[in-house]
Amino acid sequence: MSYALVAAHGVGDWLPTVVTPADARRYIDETDGGYRHLDASVGPDPNVGDSFKTQWAGQLAAWREFATTGRADQAGWSDWLNTKAVMEQTDRWSQQLTDWATAFEQAGGKIVGAKPVPPGQGLPGGVSVGQFTGLVVAAGVLAAIIVIGPKLPSFRGKEAAPAQARHAPRRRIAA
């Protein structure tokens, strides 16, 4: 893989992304807050038509179904393994929320307060090339200490013999 491609995409896909059920719940709750906020703006707005509001109601119902059944922390321990997938699904729902907010404004509606949070806020960022390089160098140094270190006399706790003693000629003992 070329350096430019790695630099453009980061190294995050090479390394595992670990998220907990608590991370998934927090992200679902954050996205749910965005859906509730936009719903509070869409409902009473007189500038958007009933057709838009009906379609929005369908989207909102589908989101609420996912938000109540898609939680990785509500079922058994095995769902912990599915947490990253739940985070990615929530990210897609968050993108849909952003698209609905844009469509609402284009239809003449006004969002009261802040706009929805951009998608991707729930997943931790990827590892940069510099961080990955530093990690590889640190792992190499640690491996060198583990492999070569025990072979060094001073590493084993023994003092190295002085240079004169190591190279001094041995005396033969006559029998």
Protein backbone atom coordinates (compact mmCIF):
# COMPACT_ATOMS: atom_id res chain seq x y z
CA MET A 1 0.00 0.00 0.00
CA SER A 2 1.45 3.35 -0.92
CA TYR A 3 2.29 5.97 1.68
CA ALA A 4 -0.13 8.46 0.10
CA LEU A 5 -3.00 6.01 0.43
CA VAL A 6 -2.12 5.31 4.06
CA ALA A 7 -1.78 9.03 4.77
CA ALA A 8 -5.13 9.74 3.15
CA HIS A 9 -7.03 7.03 4.98
CA GLY A 10 -5.04 6.70 8.19
CA VAL A 11 -4.17 3.42 9.79
CA GLY A 12 -7.37 3.05 11.79
CA ASP A 13 -8.72 0.27 9.58
CA TRP A 14 -5.60 -1.82 10.14
CA LEU A 15 -5.95 -1.81 13.89
CA PRO A 16 -8.99 -3.03 15.81
CA THR A 17 -11.45 -0.45 17.06
CA VAL A 18 -12.62 -1.35 20.53
CA VAL A 19 -15.90 0.12 21.69
CA THR A 20 -17.94 -0.90 24.69
CA PRO A 21 -21.69 -1.28 25.04
CA ALA A 22 -21.59 1.94 27.09
CA ASP A 23 -20.05 3.74 24.08
CA ALA A 24 -22.86 2.45 21.85
CA ARG A 25 -25.52 3.50 24.35
CA ARG A 26 -24.03 6.98 24.67
CA TYR A 27 -23.93 7.41 20.89
CA ILE A 28 -27.49 6.14 20.46
CA ASP A 29 -28.65 8.52 23.20
CA GLU A 30 -26.78 11.41 21.57
CA THR A 31 -28.33 10.66 18.18
CA ASP A 32 -31.74 10.21 19.80
CA GLY A 33 -31.40 13.68 21.27
CA GLY A 34 -30.85 14.99 17.74
CA TYR A 35 -33.95 13.20 16.48
CA ARG A 36 -36.04 14.56 19.35
CA HIS A 37 -34.69 18.07 18.78
CA LEU A 38 -35.47 18.00 15.05
CA ASP A 39 -38.91 16.52 15.76
CA ALA A 40 -39.63 19.42 18.11
CA SER A 41 -38.79 21.79 15.24
CA VAL A 42 -40.67 19.92 12.48
CA GLY A 43 -43.96 19.36 14.33
CA PRO A 44 -45.10 22.94 14.95
CA ASP A 45 -43.46 24.55 11.91
CA PRO A 46 -46.15 26.00 9.61
CA ASN A 47 -43.73 26.47 6.68
CA VAL A 48 -43.37 22.77 5.80
CA GLY A 49 -46.15 20.74 4.24
CA ASP A 50 -48.00 17.73 5.58
CA SER A 51 -46.23 15.49 3.07
CA PHE A 52 -42.85 16.32 4.61
CA LYS A 53 -44.20 15.85 8.13
CA THR A 54 -45.68 12.45 7.22
CA GLN A 55 -42.39 11.25 5.75
CA TRP A 56 -40.55 12.58 8.78
CA ALA A 57 -42.93 10.69 11.08
CA GLY A 58 -42.02 7.47 9.26
CA GLN A 59 -38.31 8.18 9.64
CA LEU A 60 -38.78 9.01 13.32
CA ALA A 61 -40.73 5.79 13.95
CA ALA A 62 -38.02 3.72 12.24
CA TRP A 63 -35.33 5.47 14.30
CA ARG A 64 -37.17 4.85 17.55
CA GLU A 65 -37.51 1.16 16.67
CA PHE A 66 -33.76 0.93 16.13
CA ALA A 67 -32.96 3.02 19.20
CA THR A 68 -34.96 0.73 21.50
CA THR A 69 -34.00 -2.64 19.96
CA GLY A 70 -30.56 -1.91 18.52
CA ARG A 71 -28.84 -1.27 21.82
CA ALA A 72 -25.80 -3.43 22.34
CA ASP A 73 -26.13 -3.17 26.11
CA GLN A 74 -29.65 -4.53 26.58
CA ALA A 75 -29.27 -8.18 25.61
CA GLY A 76 -26.81 -10.85 26.63
CA TRP A 77 -23.07 -10.77 26.98
CA SER A 78 -22.58 -11.95 23.39
CA ASP A 79 -23.96 -8.67 22.05
CA TRP A 80 -20.82 -7.01 23.40
CA LEU A 81 -19.12 -8.49 20.35
CA ASN A 82 -21.59 -6.66 18.09
CA THR A 83 -21.07 -3.24 19.62
CA LYS A 84 -18.94 -1.80 16.79
CA ALA A 85 -21.64 -2.79 14.27
CA VAL A 86 -24.26 -1.02 16.40
CA MET A 87 -22.03 2.06 16.44
CA GLU A 88 -21.71 1.97 12.64
CA GLN A 89 -25.50 1.56 12.24
CA THR A 90 -26.04 4.50 14.57
CA ASP A 91 -23.60 6.47 12.44
CA ARG A 92 -25.76 5.78 9.37
CA TRP A 93 -28.87 6.90 11.31
CA SER A 94 -27.00 10.05 12.33
CA GLN A 95 -26.19 10.75 8.66
CA GLN A 96 -29.88 10.34 7.81
CA LEU A 97 -30.73 12.80 10.59
CA THR A 98 -28.33 15.34 9.11
CA ASP A 99 -29.90 14.80 5.67
CA TRP A 100 -33.41 15.29 7.12
CA ALA A 101 -32.32 18.50 8.85
CA THR A 102 -30.97 19.83 5.56
CA ALA A 103 -34.17 18.85 3.73
CA PHE A 104 -36.24 20.49 6.47
CA GLU A 105 -34.38 23.78 6.05
CA GLN A 106 -34.66 23.57 2.25
CA ALA A 107 -38.43 23.06 2.61
CA GLY A 108 -38.63 26.37 4.48
CA GLY A 109 -38.44 25.09 8.05
CA LYS A 110 -36.31 26.59 10.80
CA ILE A 111 -34.45 24.41 13.27
CA VAL A 112 -34.75 25.86 16.74
CA GLY A 113 -31.37 25.74 18.45
CA ALA A 114 -28.33 23.82 17.26
CA LYS A 115 -28.24 21.63 14.18
CA PRO A 116 -27.68 17.87 14.57
CA VAL A 117 -24.19 16.66 15.39
CA PRO A 118 -22.32 15.44 12.28
CA PRO A 119 -22.09 11.66 11.95
CA GLY A 120 -18.98 9.89 13.13
CA GLN A 121 -18.90 11.46 16.57
CA GLY A 122 -19.43 8.14 18.30
CA LEU A 123 -16.54 6.20 16.82
CA PRO A 124 -13.06 6.88 18.08
CA GLY A 125 -10.73 8.44 15.50
CA GLY A 126 -8.31 6.30 13.58
CA VAL A 127 -4.63 6.05 14.28
CA SER A 128 -2.50 8.45 12.26
CA VAL A 129 0.54 7.30 10.30
CA GLY A 130 2.83 9.09 12.77
CA GLN A 131 1.22 7.37 15.75
CA PHE A 132 1.44 4.02 13.99
CA THR A 133 5.12 4.57 13.17
CA GLY A 134 5.84 5.48 16.79
CA LEU A 135 4.02 2.36 17.96
CA VAL A 136 6.06 0.16 15.60
CA VAL A 137 9.34 1.74 16.72
CA ALA A 138 8.44 1.31 20.40
CA ALA A 139 7.49 -2.33 19.80
CA GLY A 140 10.80 -2.90 17.98
CA VAL A 141 12.83 -1.40 20.84
CA LEU A 142 10.94 -3.50 23.38
CA ALA A 143 11.49 -6.66 21.29
CA ALA A 144 15.21 -5.87 21.00
CA ILE A 145 15.51 -5.48 24.78
CA ILE A 146 13.71 -8.77 25.35
CA VAL A 147 15.71 -10.71 22.75
CA ILE A 148 19.19 -9.18 23.04
CA GLY A 149 19.10 -7.96 26.64
CA PRO A 150 19.62 -11.32 28.40
CA LYS A 151 22.72 -11.97 26.26
CA LEU A 152 24.48 -8.88 27.63
CA PRO A 153 26.49 -9.57 30.81
CA SER A 154 25.56 -6.27 32.45
CA PHE A 155 21.86 -6.90 31.75
CA ARG A 156 21.98 -10.13 33.79
CA GLY A 157 23.29 -8.27 36.80
CA LYS A 158 26.94 -9.37 36.40
CA GLU A 159 29.54 -6.72 36.01
CA ALA A 160 31.52 -6.95 32.82
CA ALA A 161 35.13 -7.92 33.36
CA PRO A 162 37.69 -5.15 32.85
CA ALA A 163 39.22 -5.04 29.39
CA GLN A 164 42.67 -6.08 30.72
CA ALA A 165 41.33 -9.17 32.41
CA ARG A 166 39.42 -10.31 29.37
CA HIS A 167 42.45 -10.16 27.10
CA ALA A 168 45.17 -11.21 29.53
CA PRO A 169 47.03 -14.38 28.52
CA ARG A 170 46.20 -17.49 30.52
CA ARG A 171 48.91 -19.14 32.52
CA ARG A 172 49.49 -22.76 32.15
CA ILE A 173 49.80 -24.72 35.28
CA ALA A 174 52.41 -27.37 35.15
CA ALA A 175 51.31 -30.74 36.28
